[in-house]
Amino acid sequence: MSTLSVPLDAQLEAFIDSMVKSGRYSNKAVVVRQAIKKMSEDEAIEAVMQGMRELREGKILSGDLDELAKQIV
């Protein structure tokens, strides 16, 4: 596992701190990892939704669904 240093503004840091203080997450790293995982899942869902829109519009679907499924961790 690698470490990444990311500057955060005060508002984001306060939000992360509040998530830890609430007991919902055990530490700041878990909050950030969960946020990135959620973003990844959202992107995969959006790709599926785009494919569905294209299908309704009569466009040919392209891409590898197995690869898309791998994005949903």
C-alpha atoms as a PDB file:
ATOM      1  CA  MET A   1       0.000   0.000   0.000  1.00  0.00           C
ATOM      2  CA  SER A   2       1.360   3.411  -0.889  1.00  0.00           C
ATOM      3  CA  THR A   3       1.009   6.714   0.921  1.00  0.00           C
ATOM      4  CA  LEU A   4      -0.204   9.874  -0.771  1.00  0.00           C
ATOM      5  CA  SER A   5       0.111  13.358   0.645  1.00  0.00           C
ATOM      6  CA  VAL A   6      -2.746  15.629  -0.418  1.00  0.00           C
ATOM      7  CA  PRO A   7      -3.236  19.226   0.708  1.00  0.00           C
ATOM      8  CA  LEU A   8      -6.773  19.812   2.033  1.00  0.00           C
ATOM      9  CA  ASP A   9      -8.567  23.059   2.701  1.00  0.00           C
ATOM     10  CA  ALA A  10      -9.858  23.680   6.225  1.00  0.00           C
ATOM     11  CA  GLN A  11     -13.434  22.743   5.336  1.00  0.00           C
ATOM     12  CA  LEU A  12     -12.475  19.299   3.994  1.00  0.00           C
ATOM     13  CA  GLU A  13     -10.190  18.626   6.928  1.00  0.00           C
ATOM     14  CA  ALA A  14     -12.944  19.605   9.366  1.00  0.00           C
ATOM     15  CA  PHE A  15     -15.363  17.266   7.594  1.00  0.00           C
ATOM     16  CA  ILE A  16     -12.904  14.377   7.777  1.00  0.00           C
ATOM     17  CA  ASP A  17     -12.242  15.100  11.442  1.00  0.00           C
ATOM     18  CA  SER A  18     -15.982  15.132  12.148  1.00  0.00           C
ATOM     19  CA  MET A  19     -16.400  11.724  10.494  1.00  0.00           C
ATOM     20  CA  VAL A  20     -13.711  10.282  12.767  1.00  0.00           C
ATOM     21  CA  LYS A  21     -15.028  12.029  15.891  1.00  0.00           C
ATOM     22  CA  SER A  22     -18.533  10.721  15.199  1.00  0.00           C
ATOM     23  CA  GLY A  23     -17.153   7.195  15.454  1.00  0.00           C
ATOM     24  CA  ARG A  24     -18.333   6.335  11.964  1.00  0.00           C
ATOM     25  CA  TYR A  25     -14.728   5.845  10.823  1.00  0.00           C
ATOM     26  CA  SER A  26     -11.719   4.756  12.837  1.00  0.00           C
ATOM     27  CA  ASN A  27      -9.249   7.257  11.354  1.00  0.00           C
ATOM     28  CA  LYS A  28      -8.718   9.864   8.632  1.00  0.00           C
ATOM     29  CA  ALA A  29      -7.197   7.402   6.173  1.00  0.00           C
ATOM     30  CA  VAL A  30     -10.305   5.216   6.296  1.00  0.00           C
ATOM     31  CA  VAL A  31     -12.492   8.255   5.545  1.00  0.00           C
ATOM     32  CA  VAL A  32     -10.412   9.152   2.497  1.00  0.00           C
ATOM     33  CA  ARG A  33     -10.222   5.549   1.248  1.00  0.00           C
ATOM     34  CA  GLN A  34     -14.006   5.184   1.550  1.00  0.00           C
ATOM     35  CA  ALA A  35     -14.526   8.462  -0.322  1.00  0.00           C
ATOM     36  CA  ILE A  36     -12.282   7.325  -3.170  1.00  0.00           C
ATOM     37  CA  LYS A  37     -13.958   3.912  -3.282  1.00  0.00           C
ATOM     38  CA  LYS A  38     -17.364   5.616  -3.488  1.00  0.00           C
ATOM     39  CA  MET A  39     -16.124   7.830  -6.306  1.00  0.00           C
ATOM     40  CA  SER A  40     -14.877   4.775  -8.188  1.00  0.00           C
ATOM     41  CA  GLU A  41     -18.235   3.037  -7.761  1.00  0.00           C
ATOM     42  CA  ASP A  42     -20.092   6.171  -8.869  1.00  0.00           C
ATOM     43  CA  GLU A  43     -17.961   6.369 -12.019  1.00  0.00           C
ATOM     44  CA  ALA A  44     -18.695   2.725 -12.851  1.00  0.00           C
ATOM     45  CA  ILE A  45     -22.429   3.250 -12.309  1.00  0.00           C
ATOM     46  CA  GLU A  46     -22.355   6.333 -14.520  1.00  0.00           C
ATOM     47  CA  ALA A  47     -20.652   4.323 -17.265  1.00  0.00           C
ATOM     48  CA  VAL A  48     -23.431   1.720 -17.101  1.00  0.00           C
ATOM     49  CA  MET A  49     -26.092   4.445 -17.122  1.00  0.00           C
ATOM     50  CA  GLN A  50     -24.433   6.042 -20.151  1.00  0.00           C
ATOM     51  CA  GLY A  51     -24.500   2.679 -21.904  1.00  0.00           C
ATOM     52  CA  MET A  52     -28.197   2.337 -21.129  1.00  0.00           C
ATOM     53  CA  ARG A  53     -28.872   5.834 -22.511  1.00  0.00           C
ATOM     54  CA  GLU A  54     -26.959   4.949 -25.674  1.00  0.00           C
ATOM     55  CA  LEU A  55     -28.921   1.731 -26.026  1.00  0.00           C
ATOM     56  CA  ARG A  56     -32.231   3.611 -25.728  1.00  0.00           C
ATOM     57  CA  GLU A  57     -30.984   6.029 -28.382  1.00  0.00           C
ATOM     58  CA  GLY A  58     -30.227   3.114 -30.681  1.00  0.00           C
ATOM     59  CA  LYS A  59     -26.484   3.510 -30.440  1.00  0.00           C
ATOM     60  CA  ILE A  60     -24.254   0.473 -30.392  1.00  0.00           C
ATOM     61  CA  LEU A  61     -22.710  -0.290 -27.019  1.00  0.00           C
ATOM     62  CA  SER A  62     -18.961  -0.446 -26.968  1.00  0.00           C
ATOM     63  CA  GLY A  63     -16.525  -1.451 -24.302  1.00  0.00           C
ATOM     64  CA  ASP A  64     -15.705  -4.449 -22.192  1.00  0.00           C
ATOM     65  CA  LEU A  65     -18.297  -5.185 -19.510  1.00  0.00           C
ATOM     66  CA  ASP A  66     -15.842  -7.462 -17.694  1.00  0.00           C
ATOM     67  CA  GLU A  67     -13.406  -4.554 -17.399  1.00  0.00           C
ATOM     68  CA  LEU A  68     -16.210  -2.293 -16.186  1.00  0.00           C
ATOM     69  CA  ALA A  69     -17.230  -4.858 -13.572  1.00  0.00           C
ATOM     70  CA  LYS A  70     -13.641  -4.906 -12.258  1.00  0.00           C
ATOM     71  CA  GLN A  71     -13.964  -1.189 -11.462  1.00  0.00           C
ATOM     72  CA  ILE A  72     -16.701  -1.925  -8.951  1.00  0.00           C
ATOM     73  CA  VAL A  73     -14.645  -2.988  -5.974  1.00  0.00           C
END
